[in-house]
Amino acid sequence: MNIDVSSPSADGTTEVVEVLLADRSYPIVIGRGVSTDSSLIARHLKPGRAALVTSEVVGALYLAPVTAALAAAGIEAVPIVLPDGEQHKNWQVLNTVFDHLIEHRCDRRTPVIALGGGVIGDMAGFAAATWQRGVPFVQIPTTLLAQVDSSVGGKTAINHPQGKNMIGAFHQPGLVLADTALLDTLPDRELSAGLAEVIKYGLIRDTAFLDWLEPNLAKLLARDPAALAYAVRRSCEHKAEVVAADEREAGLRETLNLGHTFGHAVETGVGYGEWLHGEAVAAGTVLAAAMSARLGWLGEGEVGRVRRLFALARLPVEPPPMPAARWLDLMGHDKKVRGGRIRLVLLKGLGHAVTTGDYDPAALDATLAEVAGHG
């Protein structure tokens, strides 16, 4: 799916990254103001109705202007406002989305639009994947984490009390509008959380990007428009390339989960919503780096560099203390587990990630023992 960018965003710097999936290819349009560009919307959505799913906080800021842009494109928005937070990413709240779709008689031609961060994208996407066996889906991500990662690639899910994102479906969007202007109102903590996923791309496959990030993290934290636009574009290029090569996470795409097996254990263990996803991923990636060093794959200097990167991004580099047995139990629910074996994404050098279950279990035990605390 190609896009005409003759009508650029407000500052004239619209960029497009294509996710190439044959007849299901779609563009990620990056730029300031693209979420309210009615001519852009009109090129991708037919006149009619659309279910617009958002959260209470995001809706208070952006529901009205996005609704107005949709109306200018000939689309009537059916607003569906959900409570905020990871703790609400469950069956009960998802069912309220279906309640609205039924009430408003939305059919198989009614697209679902996600206006929000990763939680809203996951909830709206899962609803789109399952409502009448699948309807069109559009992502308008409002957090840095969603713009660089979760809005791209079609992974949708809700949480189970014993495991994050355990119930879900692959359902690709037809369009992603990554409006960097929406990051102006993002809380500092959420901005830092998004940087965890940005740093991840450098660690797993792009040392040149890593070299750029180190001196530019201060600019990103200060919301420098040019730095943010570059970080979003480069991250999306990596995500698009990986998804095109491995849509269903059979191999290469698993490397995008660096730090996530440890991180998801943190999120579940302390209670959904206590740690932001990016915060848990940052601490989890430091653990993955430490374990990689125990296996002889990273030097101590490289582990120190990983810690410094996340610290510069104002992210935690130590997880909360949990008993080692609790860590192993939670990690045992990870989606990469095969035959009861916990498979991990580790680093065989910076810029070279691998997914493996073929490691010395003593290395994992020693890594967890250091952070187990006295629980």
Protein backbone atom coordinates (compact mmCIF):
# COMPACT_ATOMS: atom_id res chain seq x y z
CA MET A 1 0.00 0.00 0.00
CA ASN A 2 1.67 3.23 -1.14
CA ILE A 3 0.75 6.63 0.19
CA ASP A 4 0.62 10.02 -1.48
CA VAL A 5 2.42 12.50 0.75
CA SER A 6 1.64 15.59 -1.31
CA SER A 7 -0.16 16.98 1.75
CA PRO A 8 2.59 16.96 4.40
CA SER A 9 2.21 17.53 8.13
CA ALA A 10 2.31 21.00 9.64
CA ASP A 11 6.11 21.37 9.62
CA GLY A 12 6.57 19.74 6.22
CA THR A 13 8.58 16.79 7.49
CA THR A 14 6.21 13.88 6.94
CA GLU A 15 8.04 10.61 6.40
CA VAL A 16 6.68 7.21 5.46
CA VAL A 17 7.99 3.77 6.42
CA GLU A 18 6.36 0.84 4.64
CA VAL A 19 5.63 -2.48 6.33
CA LEU A 20 5.89 -4.88 3.39
CA LEU A 21 3.47 -7.79 3.75
CA ALA A 22 2.36 -8.39 0.14
CA ASP A 23 -1.30 -7.41 -0.24
CA ARG A 24 -1.47 -6.52 3.46
CA SER A 25 1.35 -3.96 3.33
CA TYR A 26 0.71 -0.67 5.07
CA PRO A 27 2.38 2.67 5.74
CA ILE A 28 3.60 4.18 8.98
CA VAL A 29 3.21 7.92 8.46
CA ILE A 30 5.47 9.92 10.76
CA GLY A 31 5.21 13.67 11.31
CA ARG A 32 3.69 16.46 13.33
CA GLY A 33 -0.05 16.81 12.77
CA VAL A 34 -0.67 13.63 10.79
CA SER A 35 -3.38 12.42 13.21
CA THR A 36 -5.60 15.37 12.26
CA ASP A 37 -4.79 15.51 8.54
CA SER A 38 -8.25 14.84 7.14
CA SER A 39 -7.02 14.55 3.53
CA LEU A 40 -4.56 11.86 4.60
CA ILE A 41 -7.27 10.03 6.53
CA ALA A 42 -9.64 10.26 3.57
CA ARG A 43 -7.10 8.52 1.32
CA HIS A 44 -7.16 5.45 3.56
CA LEU A 45 -10.63 5.23 5.10
CA LYS A 46 -13.91 5.19 3.24
CA PRO A 47 -16.73 7.52 4.31
CA GLY A 48 -19.02 5.99 6.89
CA ARG A 49 -18.47 5.17 10.55
CA ALA A 50 -15.48 4.13 12.61
CA ALA A 51 -15.18 2.94 16.20
CA LEU A 52 -12.65 5.24 17.90
CA VAL A 53 -11.20 3.57 21.00
CA THR A 54 -9.26 5.73 23.45
CA SER A 55 -8.55 6.14 27.15
CA GLU A 56 -9.88 8.65 29.64
CA VAL A 57 -6.64 10.64 29.78
CA VAL A 58 -5.88 10.59 26.04
CA GLY A 59 -9.51 11.18 25.15
CA ALA A 60 -9.62 14.38 27.20
CA LEU A 61 -6.72 15.71 25.12
CA TYR A 62 -7.21 14.35 21.62
CA LEU A 63 -10.63 12.77 21.11
CA ALA A 64 -12.20 16.05 19.92
CA PRO A 65 -9.57 17.02 17.30
CA VAL A 66 -9.30 13.50 15.91
CA THR A 67 -13.09 13.21 15.77
CA ALA A 68 -13.23 16.52 13.89
CA ALA A 69 -10.58 15.34 11.42
CA LEU A 70 -12.52 12.13 10.82
CA ALA A 71 -15.70 14.13 10.27
CA ALA A 72 -13.92 16.31 7.72
CA ALA A 73 -12.96 13.08 5.94
CA GLY A 74 -16.61 11.96 5.90
CA ILE A 75 -16.28 9.53 8.82
CA GLU A 76 -18.56 9.52 11.85
CA ALA A 77 -16.67 8.47 14.97
CA VAL A 78 -18.26 6.13 17.52
CA PRO A 79 -16.26 7.03 20.65
CA ILE A 80 -15.35 4.22 23.07
CA VAL A 81 -13.52 5.54 26.14
CA LEU A 82 -11.76 3.01 28.38
CA PRO A 83 -10.13 3.40 31.80
CA ASP A 84 -6.39 4.08 31.84
CA GLY A 85 -3.70 1.63 32.77
CA GLU A 86 -2.24 -1.82 32.23
CA GLN A 87 -4.38 -3.17 35.07
CA HIS A 88 -7.46 -2.68 32.86
CA LYS A 89 -6.14 -4.72 29.90
CA ASN A 90 -8.45 -7.65 30.61
CA TRP A 91 -11.56 -9.49 29.43
CA GLN A 92 -13.96 -7.35 31.44
CA VAL A 93 -12.85 -4.06 29.90
CA LEU A 94 -12.49 -5.61 26.45
CA ASN A 95 -16.11 -6.70 26.67
CA THR A 96 -17.17 -3.06 27.05
CA VAL A 97 -15.68 -2.45 23.59
CA PHE A 98 -17.87 -5.22 22.18
CA ASP A 99 -20.86 -3.78 24.04
CA HIS A 100 -20.38 -0.48 22.18
CA LEU A 101 -19.87 -2.19 18.84
CA ILE A 102 -23.12 -4.10 19.31
CA GLU A 103 -25.03 -1.06 20.57
CA HIS A 104 -23.99 1.01 17.56
CA ARG A 105 -24.52 -1.87 15.11
CA CYS A 106 -20.98 -1.80 13.84
CA ASP A 107 -20.45 -4.33 11.06
CA ARG A 108 -17.57 -5.97 9.20
CA ARG A 109 -16.88 -2.78 7.26
CA THR A 110 -16.59 -0.61 10.37
CA PRO A 111 -12.91 0.06 11.09
CA VAL A 112 -11.62 0.19 14.64
CA ILE A 113 -9.21 3.04 15.35
CA ALA A 114 -6.90 2.95 18.37
CA LEU A 115 -6.09 6.40 19.78
CA GLY A 116 -3.74 5.86 22.69
CA GLY A 117 -0.67 4.07 23.96
CA GLY A 118 0.23 0.41 23.98
CA VAL A 119 -2.66 -0.68 26.19
CA ILE A 120 -5.28 0.95 23.98
CA GLY A 121 -3.56 -0.34 20.84
CA ASP A 122 -3.57 -3.88 22.20
CA MET A 123 -7.19 -3.71 23.37
CA ALA A 124 -8.55 -2.07 20.22
CA GLY A 125 -6.46 -4.35 18.02
CA PHE A 126 -7.69 -7.50 19.75
CA ALA A 127 -11.25 -6.23 19.43
CA ALA A 128 -10.68 -5.58 15.72
CA ALA A 129 -9.16 -9.05 15.28
CA THR A 130 -12.12 -10.81 16.86
CA TRP A 131 -15.17 -8.63 16.18
CA GLN A 132 -17.15 -10.50 13.53
CA ARG A 133 -13.93 -12.46 12.86
CA GLY A 134 -11.90 -9.43 11.91
CA VAL A 135 -12.47 -5.83 10.82
CA PRO A 136 -10.13 -3.10 9.49
CA PHE A 137 -7.81 -1.54 12.06
CA VAL A 138 -5.95 1.78 12.30
CA GLN A 139 -3.36 2.81 14.88
CA ILE A 140 -2.89 6.39 16.12
CA PRO A 141 -0.26 5.85 18.83
CA THR A 142 0.05 8.62 21.41
CA THR A 143 3.11 7.43 23.39
CA LEU A 144 6.70 7.10 22.28
CA LEU A 145 6.68 3.39 23.14
CA ALA A 146 3.63 2.80 20.95
CA GLN A 147 5.00 4.88 18.08
CA VAL A 148 8.31 3.02 17.95
CA ASP A 149 7.11 -0.47 18.77
CA SER A 150 3.67 -1.68 19.78
CA SER A 151 1.61 0.06 17.09
CA VAL A 152 3.57 -1.71 14.32
CA GLY A 153 3.45 -5.41 13.56
CA GLY A 154 -0.06 -6.54 14.43
CA LYS A 155 0.48 -8.11 17.86
CA THR A 156 -2.65 -7.58 19.96
CA ALA A 157 -3.48 -9.02 23.35
CA ILE A 158 -4.96 -8.77 26.81
CA ASN A 159 -3.36 -9.90 30.06
CA HIS A 160 -4.09 -12.89 32.27
CA PRO A 161 -3.51 -12.56 36.03
CA GLN A 162 -0.62 -15.02 35.70
CA GLY A 163 0.93 -13.71 32.51
CA LYS A 164 1.17 -10.57 30.38
CA ASN A 165 -0.24 -10.65 26.83
CA MET A 166 -1.12 -14.33 27.08
CA ILE A 167 -4.44 -14.01 25.22
CA GLY A 168 -4.36 -12.34 21.82
CA ALA A 169 -4.12 -12.49 18.05
CA PHE A 170 -2.02 -11.22 15.16
CA HIS A 171 -4.02 -8.55 13.32
CA GLN A 172 -2.16 -6.03 11.19
CA PRO A 173 -3.35 -2.43 10.95
CA GLY A 174 -3.98 -0.91 7.57
CA LEU A 175 -2.43 2.41 8.59
CA VAL A 176 -0.31 3.81 11.42
CA LEU A 177 -0.30 7.57 12.03
CA ALA A 178 2.68 8.34 14.26
CA ASP A 179 1.99 11.98 15.13
CA THR A 180 5.04 13.27 16.98
CA ALA A 181 3.08 16.34 18.10
CA LEU A 182 1.13 14.04 20.42
CA LEU A 183 4.34 13.46 22.37
CA ASP A 184 4.27 17.10 23.55
CA THR A 185 1.81 16.20 26.32
CA LEU A 186 3.38 12.85 27.22
CA PRO A 187 4.46 12.68 30.89
CA ASP A 188 8.24 12.52 31.40
CA ARG A 189 8.00 9.05 32.91
CA GLU A 190 6.16 7.75 29.84
CA LEU A 191 8.69 9.37 27.52
CA SER A 192 11.53 7.58 29.31
CA ALA A 193 9.60 4.31 29.14
CA GLY A 194 9.42 4.65 25.37
CA LEU A 195 13.16 5.18 25.16
CA ALA A 196 13.64 1.64 26.49
CA GLU A 197 12.29 0.27 23.22
CA VAL A 198 14.32 2.76 21.17
CA ILE A 199 17.54 1.67 22.91
CA LYS A 200 16.52 -1.95 22.32
CA TYR A 201 16.82 -1.59 18.54
CA GLY A 202 20.39 -0.42 18.88
CA LEU A 203 21.28 -3.25 21.23
CA ILE A 204 19.83 -6.02 19.08
CA ARG A 205 20.75 -4.97 15.54
CA ASP A 206 22.17 -1.46 15.00
CA THR A 207 25.33 -0.36 16.80
CA ALA A 208 25.49 2.81 14.68
CA PHE A 209 22.09 3.80 16.09
CA LEU A 210 23.41 2.96 19.55
CA ASP A 211 26.36 5.29 18.94
CA TRP A 212 23.91 8.03 17.91
CA LEU A 213 21.71 7.49 20.95
CA GLU A 214 24.37 7.94 23.62
CA PRO A 215 25.06 11.64 22.91
CA ASN A 216 21.45 12.34 21.91
CA LEU A 217 19.46 10.89 24.83
CA ALA A 218 19.46 14.31 26.50
CA LYS A 219 17.92 15.83 23.36
CA LEU A 220 15.28 13.09 23.29
CA LEU A 221 14.42 13.69 26.94
CA ALA A 222 14.16 17.41 26.16
CA ARG A 223 11.74 16.52 23.30
CA ASP A 224 13.90 17.96 20.56
CA PRO A 225 11.63 17.59 17.49
CA ALA A 226 14.36 16.56 15.06
CA ALA A 227 15.86 14.01 17.46
CA LEU A 228 12.46 12.51 18.25
CA ALA A 229 11.52 12.29 14.57
CA TYR A 230 14.77 10.49 13.77
CA ALA A 231 14.44 8.07 16.69
CA VAL A 232 10.85 7.22 15.73
CA ARG A 233 11.71 6.74 12.06
CA ARG A 234 14.81 4.62 12.66
CA SER A 235 12.97 2.45 15.17
CA CYS A 236 10.04 1.97 12.80
CA GLU A 237 12.41 1.05 9.97
CA HIS A 238 13.83 -1.73 12.13
CA LYS A 239 10.42 -2.92 13.29
CA ALA A 240 9.05 -2.90 9.72
CA GLU A 241 12.02 -4.87 8.40
CA VAL A 242 11.74 -7.52 11.12
CA VAL A 243 7.96 -7.86 10.79
CA ALA A 244 8.22 -8.21 7.01
CA ALA A 245 10.74 -11.02 7.46
CA ASP A 246 8.95 -12.83 10.31
CA GLU A 247 5.37 -11.68 10.78
CA ARG A 248 4.30 -14.48 13.12
CA GLU A 249 7.34 -14.42 15.41
CA ALA A 250 8.78 -17.76 14.33
CA GLY A 251 12.40 -16.69 14.72
CA LEU A 252 13.91 -13.29 13.95
CA ARG A 253 11.01 -11.32 15.43
CA GLU A 254 11.59 -12.96 18.80
CA THR A 255 14.78 -10.92 19.14
CA LEU A 256 12.59 -7.82 19.52
CA ASN A 257 11.76 -9.26 22.95
CA LEU A 258 15.19 -8.48 24.42
CA GLY A 259 14.63 -7.98 28.14
CA HIS A 260 10.95 -8.80 27.87
CA THR A 261 10.96 -12.24 29.50
CA PHE A 262 12.51 -10.73 32.61
CA GLY A 263 10.47 -7.55 32.20
CA HIS A 264 7.10 -9.24 31.89
CA ALA A 265 7.90 -11.16 35.07
CA VAL A 266 8.44 -7.82 36.80
CA GLU A 267 5.14 -6.40 35.53
CA THR A 268 3.17 -9.47 36.57
CA GLY A 269 5.04 -9.97 39.83
CA VAL A 270 4.57 -6.46 41.22
CA GLY A 271 1.06 -6.05 39.78
CA TYR A 272 0.06 -4.63 36.40
CA GLY A 273 0.45 -0.87 36.27
CA GLU A 274 2.98 -0.51 39.09
CA TRP A 275 5.92 -0.52 36.66
CA LEU A 276 5.50 0.85 33.17
CA HIS A 277 6.30 -1.63 30.42
CA GLY A 278 9.39 0.28 29.30
CA GLU A 279 10.68 0.49 32.86
CA ALA A 280 10.37 -3.26 33.28
CA VAL A 281 12.01 -3.86 29.89
CA ALA A 282 14.95 -1.62 30.85
CA ALA A 283 15.64 -3.53 34.07
CA GLY A 284 15.02 -6.81 32.24
CA THR A 285 17.49 -5.91 29.51
CA VAL A 286 20.17 -5.20 32.10
CA LEU A 287 19.53 -8.70 33.49
CA ALA A 288 19.76 -10.17 29.98
CA ALA A 289 23.07 -8.36 29.48
CA ALA A 290 24.38 -9.62 32.84
CA MET A 291 23.43 -13.18 31.95
CA SER A 292 25.05 -12.79 28.52
CA ALA A 293 28.25 -11.79 30.30
CA ARG A 294 28.05 -14.88 32.53
CA LEU A 295 27.91 -16.97 29.37
CA GLY A 296 31.00 -15.21 28.03
CA TRP A 297 29.14 -13.39 25.28
CA LEU A 298 29.52 -9.82 26.58
CA GLY A 299 32.37 -8.08 28.33
CA GLU A 300 31.85 -6.27 31.61
CA GLY A 301 32.46 -2.98 29.82
CA GLU A 302 29.60 -3.73 27.44
CA VAL A 303 27.29 -4.58 30.35
CA GLY A 304 28.28 -1.27 31.92
CA ARG A 305 27.43 0.51 28.67
CA VAL A 306 23.98 -1.07 28.65
CA ARG A 307 23.37 0.08 32.22
CA ARG A 308 24.57 3.61 31.42
CA LEU A 309 22.29 3.90 28.41
CA PHE A 310 19.20 3.11 30.44
CA ALA A 311 20.35 5.27 33.34
CA LEU A 312 20.86 8.21 30.94
CA ALA A 313 17.28 7.64 29.76
CA ARG A 314 16.16 7.90 33.41
CA LEU A 315 15.08 4.29 33.54
CA PRO A 316 15.57 1.73 36.32
CA VAL A 317 18.52 -0.60 35.95
CA GLU A 318 17.64 -2.80 38.94
CA PRO A 319 14.44 -4.90 39.12
CA PRO A 320 12.36 -5.18 42.29
CA PRO A 321 13.49 -8.00 44.58
CA MET A 322 11.61 -11.27 44.14
CA PRO A 323 12.51 -14.80 45.26
CA ALA A 324 14.30 -16.75 42.55
CA ALA A 325 11.52 -19.35 42.54
CA ARG A 326 8.98 -16.60 41.85
CA TRP A 327 11.07 -15.29 38.95
CA LEU A 328 11.28 -18.75 37.41
CA ASP A 329 7.56 -19.39 37.85
CA LEU A 330 6.61 -16.12 36.16
CA MET A 331 9.16 -16.53 33.37
CA GLY A 332 7.86 -20.04 32.79
CA HIS A 333 4.65 -18.49 31.42
CA ASP A 334 6.53 -16.60 28.70
CA LYS A 335 5.31 -17.21 25.15
CA LYS A 336 8.80 -18.24 24.01
CA VAL A 337 8.83 -21.26 26.36
CA ARG A 338 9.20 -24.53 24.43
CA GLY A 339 8.79 -27.92 26.10
CA GLY A 340 9.06 -26.35 29.53
CA ARG A 341 12.39 -24.70 28.66
CA ILE A 342 12.64 -20.94 29.23
CA ARG A 343 14.05 -19.45 26.05
CA LEU A 344 15.67 -16.05 26.35
CA VAL A 345 16.78 -13.26 24.05
CA LEU A 346 20.43 -12.64 24.88
CA LEU A 347 23.30 -10.66 23.38
CA LYS A 348 26.29 -12.25 21.64
CA GLY A 349 27.87 -8.83 21.47
CA LEU A 350 26.18 -5.44 21.18
CA GLY A 351 24.09 -5.33 18.01
CA HIS A 352 23.79 -9.13 17.85
CA ALA A 353 20.76 -10.65 19.61
CA VAL A 354 19.90 -14.35 19.66
CA THR A 355 16.96 -16.33 21.02
CA THR A 356 18.07 -19.50 22.74
CA GLY A 357 17.13 -22.15 25.25
CA ASP A 358 20.57 -23.71 24.91
CA TYR A 359 22.35 -22.09 27.84
CA ASP A 360 23.82 -23.22 31.14
CA PRO A 361 20.93 -23.07 33.66
CA ALA A 362 23.45 -22.09 36.32
CA ALA A 363 23.91 -18.77 34.52
CA LEU A 364 20.20 -18.00 34.84
CA ASP A 365 20.16 -19.14 38.47
CA ALA A 366 23.13 -16.92 39.31
CA THR A 367 21.58 -13.93 37.51
CA LEU A 368 18.32 -14.31 39.42
CA ALA A 369 20.09 -14.97 42.74
CA GLU A 370 21.68 -11.54 42.56
CA VAL A 371 18.27 -9.81 42.37
CA ALA A 372 16.20 -12.25 44.41
CA GLY A 373 16.31 -10.24 47.63
CA HIS A 374 15.23 -11.92 50.82
CA GLY A 375 11.66 -12.78 49.80
